[in-house]
Amino acid sequence: MSINLYPQYHDYLSKILTSSVYDVADETPLDFAANLSRRLNNKIYLKREDLQPVFSFKIRGAYNKMARLPEHVLQKGVITASAGNHAQGVALSAQKLGCAATIVMPETTPQIKIDAVRARGGNVVLAGVSYNDAYDHAMKLVAESGLTYIPPFDDPDVIAGQGTVGMEIARQHAKPIHAVFVPIGGGGLAAGVAAFIKQVRPEIKVIGVQTNDSCAMKVSLAADKRVALKDVGLFADGTAVKLVGEETFKLCRDLLDDIITVDTDAVCGALKDIFDDTRSICEPAGALALAGLKTYVSRNHTEQETLVAITSGANMNFHRLRHVSERSELGEGHEAIFAVSIPERAGSFRDFVNVLKLRNITEFNYRYGDEQVAHIFVGIQTQGAADREKIGADFQAAQLPYIDLSNDEMAKVHLRYMVGGRTHKVQNERLISFEFPERPQALANFLNNMHSDWNITLFHYRNHGADYGRVLVGIDVPESDYAAFDTFLDNLGYAFEEQTENAAYQLFLAS
């Protein structure tokens, strides 16, 4: 018999066991991932929350919270702020319970998500350009109207609803489970799953997973207090939370065994893995747990263990698949990208290809720019990290200077589409990468805000079908204006990163 090592959370155990989620949510399958299990030499299972009626686990917590509201409160109506899965969960729950639901969403929300909420009877109110703007407007409406706010994660009833995922995993797989991997945004799912599993089967590790650039829970646990991130990455938008909840922080602090962080390429690789095994397409946050599981296996050289990843959602914008496809091969270690310098003479391309032996070239970019040296941008099919290192060693043996760009975000998002744009007419170019909310006229608004006394010398933008746009901008700034330019950047209102010293930029684009 398992011993409850966490008696202070016994209330959550009873809350989860008596949750009302099954009036509207499904008990999702725990699917064995045969291809992935064979490849990783472990028994991998996927908890398929992407198969819920709203394609996300969020319906569980939203409905459990709303089903417990008194009838007179429901009759007044409910309200929430969300740009994604929680919004659809609240809308469907309100439809089931026969009450009105107001969903405040940022103006930047993709139309597909707005349409999904309206299709379930939700009254959509667009306000601001970020979740924080939407939340502030929702709080204003609460004060004016008396509507009841339904929080996305920081509420005991919401946490208990999400905890039914852990209850199902424990029931569906009675045999030993070594670890369950859970995506973390605000922490509701991780807190709920851990609250159940650690009291019923405490031998099972519960491991949270976040992206490197949206790891508010990991940073908070390290500081032993809630820490608000200034900015968060938006690729896995379902977990892009700047500040975790008070209750979820406490539960995760006490109950989680670890938090693993992963990058965009790892998430894209996990999306491909899920598709290969299930023929289903998750959203990036939905593949986050599997990306963490794979990192755990690689880091710990784990073999013959039973590991479960929660595929938490499938609300994917179709146009993002282009970006995911491009990046998944890098995430799987099946492609590497390099900047290589070869002699600018007849026959040097042939000699370069011979160095690669039987490896396939996936991309090749070059433009004449120097009489002595040619800088080429090349993608190469590989068999993993060890093979990537072997390619580097082969370049070195052939006396070909190279830079491995496989982990260079700027090179992967922008530079690979721009090789050949070097100029000798700009003397003081500063290179800056920006992120901005993606919506109609977003690029025009960005350019209008960029108006300055400095000339734009380089510009690259490519729509990735995401909620945010990414732009690379070169600006000619005299050294005497550097202080003023830095102030200009700080006041512009967009997330940015200086790229002027980036090695790939210096090779291919700089003056």
Protein backbone atom coordinates (compact mmCIF):
# COMPACT_ATOMS: atom_id res chain seq x y z
CA MET A 1 0.00 0.00 0.00
CA SER A 2 1.29 3.50 -0.87
CA ILE A 3 1.89 5.84 2.04
CA ASN A 4 0.63 9.40 1.75
CA LEU A 5 3.76 11.48 2.27
CA TYR A 6 1.89 14.73 1.63
CA PRO A 7 -0.98 14.83 4.15
CA GLN A 8 -1.18 18.62 3.93
CA TYR A 9 -2.71 18.17 0.49
CA HIS A 10 -5.36 15.58 1.40
CA ASP A 11 -8.06 18.15 0.54
CA TYR A 12 -6.89 18.10 -3.07
CA LEU A 13 -7.18 14.33 -3.20
CA SER A 14 -10.85 14.49 -2.24
CA LYS A 15 -11.45 17.48 -4.55
CA ILE A 16 -10.01 15.57 -7.50
CA LEU A 17 -11.91 12.36 -6.72
CA THR A 18 -15.20 14.27 -6.55
CA SER A 19 -14.64 16.57 -9.54
CA SER A 20 -17.50 17.21 -11.95
CA VAL A 21 -15.42 17.22 -15.10
CA TYR A 22 -17.03 14.22 -16.79
CA ASP A 23 -20.26 16.05 -17.46
CA VAL A 24 -18.43 17.66 -20.35
CA ALA A 25 -14.84 16.29 -20.59
CA ASP A 26 -13.76 12.88 -21.85
CA GLU A 27 -11.51 10.35 -20.17
CA THR A 28 -8.76 10.47 -22.75
CA PRO A 29 -6.69 7.44 -23.77
CA LEU A 30 -3.19 6.65 -22.60
CA ASP A 31 -1.65 5.62 -25.91
CA PHE A 32 1.53 3.59 -26.28
CA ALA A 33 3.94 5.35 -28.69
CA ALA A 34 5.46 2.33 -30.42
CA ASN A 35 7.84 4.11 -32.80
CA LEU A 36 9.17 6.48 -30.17
CA SER A 37 9.50 3.70 -27.58
CA ARG A 38 11.57 1.64 -29.98
CA ARG A 39 13.80 4.57 -30.84
CA LEU A 40 14.36 5.73 -27.24
CA ASN A 41 14.56 2.21 -25.78
CA ASN A 42 11.92 3.06 -23.17
CA LYS A 43 8.17 2.49 -22.87
CA ILE A 44 6.64 5.82 -23.84
CA TYR A 45 2.95 6.61 -23.34
CA LEU A 46 1.05 9.72 -24.45
CA LYS A 47 -1.86 10.98 -22.34
CA ARG A 48 -4.04 12.34 -25.14
CA GLU A 49 -5.60 15.55 -23.80
CA ASP A 50 -5.43 16.86 -27.36
CA LEU A 51 -8.52 14.68 -27.98
CA GLN A 52 -10.80 16.61 -25.61
CA PRO A 53 -13.91 18.30 -27.13
CA VAL A 54 -12.07 21.65 -27.08
CA PHE A 55 -8.76 19.96 -28.02
CA SER A 56 -7.21 20.80 -24.64
CA PHE A 57 -7.22 19.75 -20.97
CA LYS A 58 -8.42 23.24 -20.01
CA ILE A 59 -12.08 22.15 -20.19
CA ARG A 60 -11.56 20.08 -17.01
CA GLY A 61 -10.60 22.94 -14.68
CA ALA A 62 -12.97 25.49 -16.20
CA TYR A 63 -16.00 23.22 -15.89
CA ASN A 64 -15.13 21.98 -12.40
CA LYS A 65 -14.89 25.59 -11.18
CA MET A 66 -18.11 26.70 -12.86
CA ALA A 67 -20.16 23.63 -11.87
CA ARG A 68 -19.52 24.51 -8.23
CA LEU A 69 -20.81 28.06 -8.49
CA PRO A 70 -24.21 28.76 -6.87
CA GLU A 71 -27.12 28.98 -9.32
CA HIS A 72 -27.70 32.70 -8.71
CA VAL A 73 -24.02 33.39 -9.51
CA LEU A 74 -24.22 31.39 -12.73
CA GLN A 75 -27.34 33.27 -13.78
CA LYS A 76 -25.42 36.56 -13.63
CA GLY A 77 -22.82 35.11 -15.99
CA VAL A 78 -19.09 34.45 -15.96
CA ILE A 79 -16.09 36.15 -17.49
CA THR A 80 -12.48 35.28 -18.18
CA ALA A 81 -9.44 36.62 -19.99
CA SER A 82 -7.71 34.23 -22.36
CA ALA A 83 -6.30 34.09 -25.85
CA GLY A 84 -6.51 30.33 -26.20
CA ASN A 85 -7.59 27.04 -24.73
CA HIS A 86 -9.00 28.32 -21.42
CA ALA A 87 -11.32 30.62 -23.38
CA GLN A 88 -12.81 27.67 -25.25
CA GLY A 89 -13.12 25.67 -22.03
CA VAL A 90 -15.09 28.45 -20.33
CA ALA A 91 -17.31 28.95 -23.39
CA LEU A 92 -18.19 25.25 -23.68
CA SER A 93 -18.75 24.97 -19.91
CA ALA A 94 -21.11 27.95 -19.99
CA GLN A 95 -22.98 26.39 -22.90
CA LYS A 96 -23.38 23.15 -20.93
CA LEU A 97 -24.46 24.95 -17.73
CA GLY A 98 -26.81 27.37 -19.49
CA CYS A 99 -25.13 30.61 -18.50
CA ALA A 100 -23.64 33.54 -20.39
CA ALA A 101 -19.86 33.75 -20.81
CA THR A 102 -17.85 36.83 -21.70
CA ILE A 103 -14.36 36.09 -23.00
CA VAL A 104 -11.93 39.01 -23.13
CA MET A 105 -9.22 38.30 -25.70
CA PRO A 106 -6.30 40.43 -26.96
CA GLU A 107 -6.83 42.12 -30.30
CA THR A 108 -3.85 40.07 -31.53
CA THR A 109 -5.71 36.75 -31.08
CA PRO A 110 -5.81 34.72 -34.33
CA GLN A 111 -9.24 34.63 -35.94
CA ILE A 112 -9.42 30.83 -35.69
CA LYS A 113 -9.45 31.08 -31.88
CA ILE A 114 -12.01 33.91 -31.83
CA ASP A 115 -14.29 31.90 -34.14
CA ALA A 116 -13.94 28.79 -31.95
CA VAL A 117 -15.08 30.72 -28.85
CA ARG A 118 -18.01 32.34 -30.65
CA ALA A 119 -19.05 28.95 -32.06
CA ARG A 120 -19.53 27.77 -28.48
CA GLY A 121 -21.69 30.75 -27.58
CA GLY A 122 -19.04 32.91 -25.96
CA ASN A 123 -19.38 36.69 -26.12
CA VAL A 124 -15.95 37.81 -27.34
CA VAL A 125 -14.61 41.20 -26.27
CA LEU A 126 -11.31 42.26 -27.85
CA ALA A 127 -9.10 44.51 -25.71
CA GLY A 128 -5.41 45.44 -25.85
CA VAL A 129 -2.53 43.65 -27.50
CA SER A 130 -1.47 41.24 -24.74
CA TYR A 131 -2.97 38.87 -22.19
CA ASN A 132 -2.24 41.40 -19.44
CA ASP A 133 -4.26 44.04 -21.31
CA ALA A 134 -7.14 41.60 -21.69
CA TYR A 135 -6.98 40.66 -18.01
CA ASP A 136 -7.04 44.30 -16.91
CA HIS A 137 -10.10 44.93 -19.06
CA ALA A 138 -11.79 41.81 -17.70
CA MET A 139 -11.23 43.03 -14.13
CA LYS A 140 -12.80 46.36 -15.09
CA LEU A 141 -15.86 44.53 -16.45
CA VAL A 142 -16.06 42.42 -13.27
CA ALA A 143 -16.18 45.59 -11.18
CA GLU A 144 -18.84 47.14 -13.40
CA SER A 145 -21.09 44.12 -13.97
CA GLY A 146 -20.70 41.71 -11.06
CA LEU A 147 -19.74 38.86 -13.38
CA THR A 148 -17.72 36.04 -11.78
CA TYR A 149 -14.16 35.68 -13.01
CA ILE A 150 -13.01 32.15 -13.93
CA PRO A 151 -9.23 31.99 -13.46
CA PRO A 152 -7.15 29.90 -15.88
CA PHE A 153 -4.95 28.19 -13.29
CA ASP A 154 -4.64 29.76 -9.83
CA ASP A 155 -7.75 28.36 -8.13
CA PRO A 156 -8.24 25.16 -6.06
CA ASP A 157 -11.26 24.00 -8.07
CA VAL A 158 -9.48 24.64 -11.37
CA ILE A 159 -6.39 22.79 -10.11
CA ALA A 160 -8.55 19.88 -8.93
CA GLY A 161 -10.23 19.66 -12.33
CA GLN A 162 -6.85 19.47 -14.04
CA GLY A 163 -5.76 16.91 -11.45
CA THR A 164 -8.21 14.38 -12.90
CA VAL A 165 -5.61 13.90 -15.67
CA GLY A 166 -3.26 12.45 -13.03
CA MET A 167 -6.08 10.33 -11.60
CA GLU A 168 -6.74 8.80 -15.01
CA ILE A 169 -3.06 8.07 -15.64
CA ALA A 170 -2.76 6.25 -12.31
CA ARG A 171 -5.89 4.22 -13.04
CA GLN A 172 -5.12 3.48 -16.68
CA HIS A 173 -1.63 2.10 -16.05
CA ALA A 174 -1.56 -0.03 -12.91
CA LYS A 175 1.93 -1.31 -13.72
CA PRO A 176 4.95 0.71 -12.54
CA ILE A 177 5.38 4.19 -14.00
CA HIS A 178 8.75 5.83 -13.49
CA ALA A 179 7.88 9.42 -14.42
CA VAL A 180 5.07 11.62 -15.71
CA PHE A 181 6.00 14.75 -17.68
CA VAL A 182 3.69 17.77 -17.53
CA PRO A 183 3.83 21.10 -19.42
CA ILE A 184 3.83 24.19 -17.20
CA GLY A 185 2.48 27.66 -17.97
CA GLY A 186 0.74 29.06 -14.90
CA GLY A 187 1.09 25.67 -13.21
CA GLY A 188 -2.51 24.46 -12.86
CA LEU A 189 -2.06 21.15 -14.69
CA ALA A 190 1.28 20.33 -13.05
CA ALA A 191 -0.07 21.20 -9.58
CA GLY A 192 -3.20 19.11 -10.04
CA VAL A 193 -1.42 16.08 -11.50
CA ALA A 194 1.25 16.15 -8.78
CA ALA A 195 -1.34 16.64 -6.02
CA PHE A 196 -3.01 13.35 -6.99
CA ILE A 197 -0.05 11.20 -8.00
CA LYS A 198 2.17 12.10 -5.05
CA GLN A 199 -0.54 11.04 -2.59
CA VAL A 200 -1.65 7.86 -4.36
CA ARG A 201 1.55 6.65 -6.05
CA PRO A 202 4.37 8.72 -4.54
CA GLU A 203 7.07 6.56 -6.16
CA ILE A 204 6.21 8.12 -9.55
CA LYS A 205 8.29 11.18 -10.43
CA VAL A 206 6.29 14.19 -11.63
CA ILE A 207 8.48 16.41 -13.81
CA GLY A 208 7.44 19.79 -15.19
CA VAL A 209 8.55 21.03 -18.60
CA GLN A 210 8.91 24.62 -19.79
CA THR A 211 10.57 26.38 -22.72
CA ASN A 212 13.89 28.11 -22.09
CA ASP A 213 12.34 31.51 -22.73
CA SER A 214 9.08 31.00 -20.74
CA CYS A 215 10.27 29.34 -17.54
CA ALA A 216 8.58 31.44 -14.85
CA MET A 217 7.94 28.42 -12.60
CA LYS A 218 11.54 27.16 -12.77
CA VAL A 219 12.90 30.64 -12.01
CA SER A 220 10.41 31.05 -9.16
CA LEU A 221 11.25 27.71 -7.56
CA ALA A 222 14.96 28.52 -7.77
CA ALA A 223 14.30 31.83 -5.97
CA ASP A 224 11.83 30.21 -3.52
CA LYS A 225 9.33 32.93 -4.36
CA ARG A 226 7.20 33.92 -7.33
CA VAL A 227 9.25 35.84 -9.89
CA ALA A 228 7.66 37.74 -12.79
CA LEU A 229 9.51 37.46 -16.09
CA LYS A 230 9.93 40.67 -18.06
CA ASP A 231 9.33 38.90 -21.39
CA VAL A 232 8.32 35.40 -22.44
CA GLY A 233 8.87 33.53 -25.69
CA LEU A 234 5.68 33.00 -27.63
CA PHE A 235 6.35 29.91 -29.73
CA ALA A 236 4.65 27.63 -27.18
CA ASP A 237 1.99 30.28 -26.60
CA GLY A 238 -0.17 27.98 -24.47
CA THR A 239 2.47 28.09 -21.72
CA ALA A 240 3.73 31.66 -22.22
CA VAL A 241 3.02 32.96 -18.69
CA LYS A 242 5.06 35.72 -17.06
CA LEU A 243 3.94 35.08 -13.46
CA VAL A 244 2.76 31.74 -12.04
CA GLY A 245 -0.09 31.49 -9.54
CA GLU A 246 0.31 31.65 -5.76
CA GLU A 247 -1.41 28.32 -5.13
CA THR A 248 0.21 26.60 -8.10
CA PHE A 249 3.64 27.81 -6.98
CA LYS A 250 3.15 26.30 -3.53
CA LEU A 251 2.01 22.94 -4.90
CA CYS A 252 4.76 22.75 -7.53
CA ARG A 253 7.40 23.74 -4.98
CA ASP A 254 6.37 20.94 -2.63
CA LEU A 255 5.41 18.20 -5.07
CA LEU A 256 7.38 18.36 -8.32
CA ASP A 257 10.56 16.30 -8.62
CA ASP A 258 12.15 18.55 -11.23
CA ILE A 259 11.55 21.05 -14.03
CA ILE A 260 13.24 20.57 -17.40
CA THR A 261 13.55 23.36 -19.97
CA VAL A 262 13.75 22.84 -23.73
CA ASP A 263 14.18 25.02 -26.83
CA THR A 264 12.03 25.59 -29.90
CA ASP A 265 13.78 22.94 -31.97
CA ALA A 266 13.15 20.30 -29.30
CA VAL A 267 9.44 21.18 -29.28
CA CYS A 268 9.26 20.95 -33.08
CA GLY A 269 10.98 17.58 -32.97
CA ALA A 270 8.43 16.38 -30.40
CA LEU A 271 5.56 17.60 -32.59
CA LYS A 272 6.90 15.43 -35.41
CA ASP A 273 7.27 12.45 -33.05
CA ILE A 274 3.63 12.74 -31.97
CA PHE A 275 2.53 12.93 -35.60
CA ASP A 276 4.65 9.92 -36.59
CA ASP A 277 3.10 7.77 -33.84
CA THR A 278 -0.49 9.04 -33.83
CA ARG A 279 -1.01 10.95 -37.11
CA SER A 280 -2.26 13.81 -34.91
CA ILE A 281 -0.96 17.38 -34.84
CA CYS A 282 -0.55 18.99 -31.44
CA GLU A 283 0.09 22.65 -30.71
CA PRO A 284 3.62 23.53 -29.49
CA ALA A 285 2.58 23.61 -25.81
CA GLY A 286 0.91 20.24 -26.39
CA ALA A 287 4.26 18.68 -27.37
CA LEU A 288 6.22 20.37 -24.61
CA ALA A 289 5.99 17.45 -22.15
CA LEU A 290 7.31 15.00 -24.74
CA ALA A 291 10.21 17.33 -25.56
CA GLY A 292 11.08 17.31 -21.85
CA LEU A 293 10.75 13.52 -21.68
CA LYS A 294 13.22 13.11 -24.55
CA THR A 295 15.65 15.50 -22.87
CA TYR A 296 15.33 13.50 -19.64
CA VAL A 297 16.10 10.23 -21.44
CA SER A 298 19.12 11.72 -23.21
CA ARG A 299 20.47 13.44 -20.10
CA ASN A 300 20.08 10.45 -17.78
CA HIS A 301 20.80 7.67 -20.32
CA THR A 302 17.50 6.12 -19.27
CA GLU A 303 16.58 2.68 -20.61
CA GLN A 304 13.61 0.34 -20.17
CA GLU A 305 11.61 2.76 -18.01
CA THR A 306 7.91 3.57 -18.36
CA LEU A 307 7.47 7.27 -19.05
CA VAL A 308 4.27 9.26 -19.67
CA ALA A 309 4.00 12.62 -21.48
CA ILE A 310 0.78 14.64 -21.37
CA THR A 311 -0.07 15.97 -24.84
CA SER A 312 -2.01 18.90 -23.48
CA GLY A 313 -3.55 20.53 -26.55
CA ALA A 314 -4.05 20.59 -30.32
CA ASN A 315 -5.23 24.12 -31.12
CA MET A 316 -2.64 24.62 -33.82
CA ASN A 317 -2.81 27.33 -36.47
CA PHE A 318 -2.30 25.42 -39.74
CA HIS A 319 0.09 28.02 -41.15
CA ARG A 320 2.53 27.43 -38.28
CA LEU A 321 3.22 23.96 -39.63
CA ARG A 322 5.62 25.38 -42.20
CA HIS A 323 7.84 26.72 -39.44
CA VAL A 324 7.50 23.54 -37.37
CA SER A 325 8.49 21.37 -40.33
CA GLU A 326 11.58 23.46 -41.01
CA ARG A 327 12.72 23.26 -37.40
CA SER A 328 11.81 19.67 -36.52
CA GLU A 329 14.79 18.16 -38.31
CA LEU A 330 17.12 20.38 -36.28
CA GLY A 331 15.27 19.41 -33.11
CA GLU A 332 15.68 15.72 -33.88
CA GLY A 333 19.36 16.14 -34.69
CA HIS A 334 18.69 15.08 -38.29
CA GLU A 335 19.96 18.36 -39.75
CA ALA A 336 22.77 20.74 -38.90
CA ILE A 337 23.50 24.14 -40.40
CA PHE A 338 26.99 25.57 -40.81
CA ALA A 339 28.71 28.68 -42.08
CA VAL A 340 31.83 27.47 -43.91
CA SER A 341 34.62 29.48 -45.52
CA ILE A 342 36.11 27.96 -48.66
CA PRO A 343 38.66 29.31 -51.15
CA GLU A 344 37.14 31.49 -53.88
CA ARG A 345 38.52 29.49 -56.82
CA ALA A 346 37.39 27.02 -59.43
CA GLY A 347 36.72 23.54 -58.04
CA SER A 348 36.34 24.59 -54.40
CA PHE A 349 32.62 23.73 -54.27
CA ARG A 350 33.41 20.23 -55.55
CA ASP A 351 36.15 19.81 -52.97
CA PHE A 352 33.77 20.96 -50.23
CA VAL A 353 31.09 18.45 -51.24
CA ASN A 354 33.70 15.68 -51.23
CA VAL A 355 34.53 16.50 -47.60
CA LEU A 356 30.91 15.66 -46.74
CA LYS A 357 31.29 12.21 -48.32
CA LEU A 358 27.84 10.51 -48.55
CA ARG A 359 25.92 13.03 -46.43
CA ASN A 360 22.99 14.79 -48.08
CA ILE A 361 22.98 18.59 -48.40
CA THR A 362 19.59 20.01 -47.41
CA GLU A 363 20.31 23.68 -48.11
CA PHE A 364 23.05 25.65 -49.82
CA ASN A 365 23.31 29.44 -49.98
CA TYR A 366 26.11 31.47 -51.52
CA ARG A 367 26.79 34.76 -53.25
CA TYR A 368 30.07 36.11 -54.55
CA GLY A 369 31.40 38.81 -52.30
CA ASP A 370 35.18 38.42 -51.91
CA GLU A 371 38.03 37.62 -54.32
CA GLN A 372 39.81 35.32 -51.88
CA VAL A 373 37.22 33.62 -49.66
CA ALA A 374 33.67 32.35 -50.25
CA HIS A 375 31.33 32.14 -47.28
CA ILE A 376 28.63 29.51 -47.72
CA PHE A 377 25.56 28.75 -45.62
CA VAL A 378 24.87 25.02 -45.75
CA GLY A 379 22.37 22.58 -44.25
CA ILE A 380 23.52 18.97 -43.91
CA GLN A 381 21.56 15.82 -43.05
CA THR A 382 23.02 14.24 -39.93
CA GLN A 383 22.56 11.28 -37.60
CA GLY A 384 22.60 13.24 -34.34
CA ALA A 385 24.95 15.33 -32.20
CA ALA A 386 27.92 12.99 -32.55
CA ASP A 387 27.66 13.13 -36.34
CA ARG A 388 27.47 16.93 -36.19
CA GLU A 389 30.73 16.97 -34.26
CA LYS A 390 32.27 14.60 -36.81
CA ILE A 391 31.31 16.98 -39.62
CA GLY A 392 33.04 19.80 -37.75
CA ALA A 393 36.14 17.64 -37.35
CA ASP A 394 36.10 16.86 -41.10
CA PHE A 395 35.93 20.59 -41.89
CA GLN A 396 38.83 21.23 -39.54
CA ALA A 397 40.90 18.43 -41.10
CA ALA A 398 40.24 19.92 -44.54
CA GLN A 399 41.35 23.34 -43.23
CA LEU A 400 37.94 24.87 -43.85
CA PRO A 401 37.03 27.44 -41.16
CA TYR A 402 33.43 26.92 -39.98
CA ILE A 403 30.82 27.99 -37.46
CA ASP A 404 28.11 25.58 -36.29
CA LEU A 405 24.88 27.60 -36.50
CA SER A 406 22.51 24.80 -35.47
CA ASN A 407 21.75 26.56 -32.18
CA ASP A 408 21.83 30.13 -33.50
CA GLU A 409 18.25 31.41 -33.42
CA MET A 410 18.90 34.48 -35.56
CA ALA A 411 20.53 32.38 -38.25
CA LYS A 412 17.65 29.89 -38.32
CA VAL A 413 14.83 32.44 -38.35
CA HIS A 414 16.30 35.17 -40.57
CA LEU A 415 19.78 34.79 -41.98
CA ARG A 416 19.23 31.54 -43.89
CA TYR A 417 16.82 33.48 -46.15
CA MET A 418 19.14 36.45 -46.63
CA VAL A 419 22.59 35.12 -47.55
CA GLY A 420 24.12 37.25 -50.28
CA GLY A 421 22.97 40.63 -49.02
CA ARG A 422 26.37 42.02 -47.97
CA THR A 423 26.95 45.72 -48.60
CA HIS A 424 30.06 47.88 -48.50
CA LYS A 425 28.18 51.17 -48.33
CA VAL A 426 27.12 51.12 -44.68
CA GLN A 427 29.72 52.01 -42.08
CA ASN A 428 27.87 51.90 -38.74
CA GLU A 429 25.19 49.23 -39.00
CA ARG A 430 23.48 48.07 -35.79
CA LEU A 431 21.53 44.83 -36.15
CA ILE A 432 18.44 44.33 -33.94
CA SER A 433 15.87 41.51 -33.83
CA PHE A 434 12.35 42.47 -32.71
CA GLU A 435 9.16 40.65 -31.71
CA PHE A 436 5.74 42.24 -32.03
CA PRO A 437 2.10 41.07 -31.78
CA GLU A 438 0.97 39.63 -35.12
CA ARG A 439 -2.34 41.04 -36.32
CA PRO A 440 -3.72 42.86 -39.38
CA GLN A 441 -1.48 45.83 -40.24
CA ALA A 442 1.04 44.71 -37.59
CA LEU A 443 4.01 45.18 -39.90
CA ALA A 444 2.77 48.63 -40.95
CA ASN A 445 2.34 49.62 -37.31
CA PHE A 446 5.84 48.39 -36.55
CA LEU A 447 7.34 50.41 -39.38
CA ASN A 448 5.41 53.52 -38.34
CA ASN A 449 6.73 53.18 -34.81
CA MET A 450 10.24 52.61 -36.18
CA HIS A 451 10.28 56.09 -37.71
CA SER A 452 13.55 57.73 -36.71
CA ASP A 453 16.38 59.88 -37.97
CA TRP A 454 18.49 56.79 -38.75
CA ASN A 455 18.37 54.92 -42.05
CA ILE A 456 17.14 51.31 -42.18
CA THR A 457 19.82 49.33 -44.04
CA LEU A 458 18.55 45.74 -43.71
CA PHE A 459 15.11 44.27 -43.13
CA HIS A 460 13.77 40.72 -42.96
CA TYR A 461 10.27 39.60 -41.97
CA ARG A 462 8.57 36.27 -42.60
CA ASN A 463 5.10 35.32 -41.41
CA HIS A 464 5.20 32.07 -39.40
CA GLY A 465 1.47 31.78 -38.79
CA ALA A 466 2.01 32.57 -35.11
CA ASP A 467 0.59 35.12 -32.67
CA TYR A 468 3.75 37.20 -32.96
CA GLY A 469 5.95 38.52 -35.73
CA ARG A 470 9.73 38.48 -35.84
CA VAL A 471 11.73 41.10 -37.68
CA LEU A 472 15.45 41.59 -38.22
CA VAL A 473 16.43 45.22 -38.81
CA GLY A 474 19.75 46.85 -39.68
CA ILE A 475 20.03 50.58 -38.91
CA ASP A 476 22.87 52.93 -39.79
CA VAL A 477 23.76 54.65 -36.52
CA PRO A 478 26.83 56.92 -36.17
CA GLU A 479 28.86 56.08 -33.07
CA SER A 480 28.13 59.54 -31.69
CA ASP A 481 24.42 58.58 -31.63
CA TYR A 482 24.76 55.24 -29.82
CA ALA A 483 23.43 56.52 -26.50
CA ALA A 484 20.44 58.15 -28.19
CA PHE A 485 19.80 55.00 -30.22
CA ASP A 486 19.83 52.81 -27.11
CA THR A 487 17.27 55.13 -25.53
CA PHE A 488 15.19 54.93 -28.71
CA LEU A 489 15.17 51.11 -28.50
CA ASP A 490 14.16 51.12 -24.84
CA ASN A 491 11.26 53.48 -25.55
CA LEU A 492 10.05 51.74 -28.71
CA GLY A 493 7.82 49.30 -26.82
CA TYR A 494 8.88 46.09 -28.58
CA ALA A 495 10.86 43.14 -27.24
CA PHE A 496 14.28 43.28 -28.91
CA GLU A 497 17.76 41.77 -28.88
CA GLU A 498 20.97 43.24 -30.27
CA GLN A 499 22.54 40.99 -32.93
CA THR A 500 25.38 43.21 -34.18
CA GLU A 501 28.10 40.88 -32.87
CA ASN A 502 26.40 37.70 -34.10
CA ALA A 503 29.05 35.60 -35.86
CA ALA A 504 26.80 34.56 -38.75
CA TYR A 505 25.83 38.17 -39.43
CA GLN A 506 29.49 39.17 -39.46
CA LEU A 507 30.25 36.48 -42.03
CA PHE A 508 27.36 36.94 -44.43
CA LEU A 509 25.78 40.38 -44.10
CA ALA A 510 27.97 42.89 -42.26
CA SER A 511 29.82 45.63 -44.08
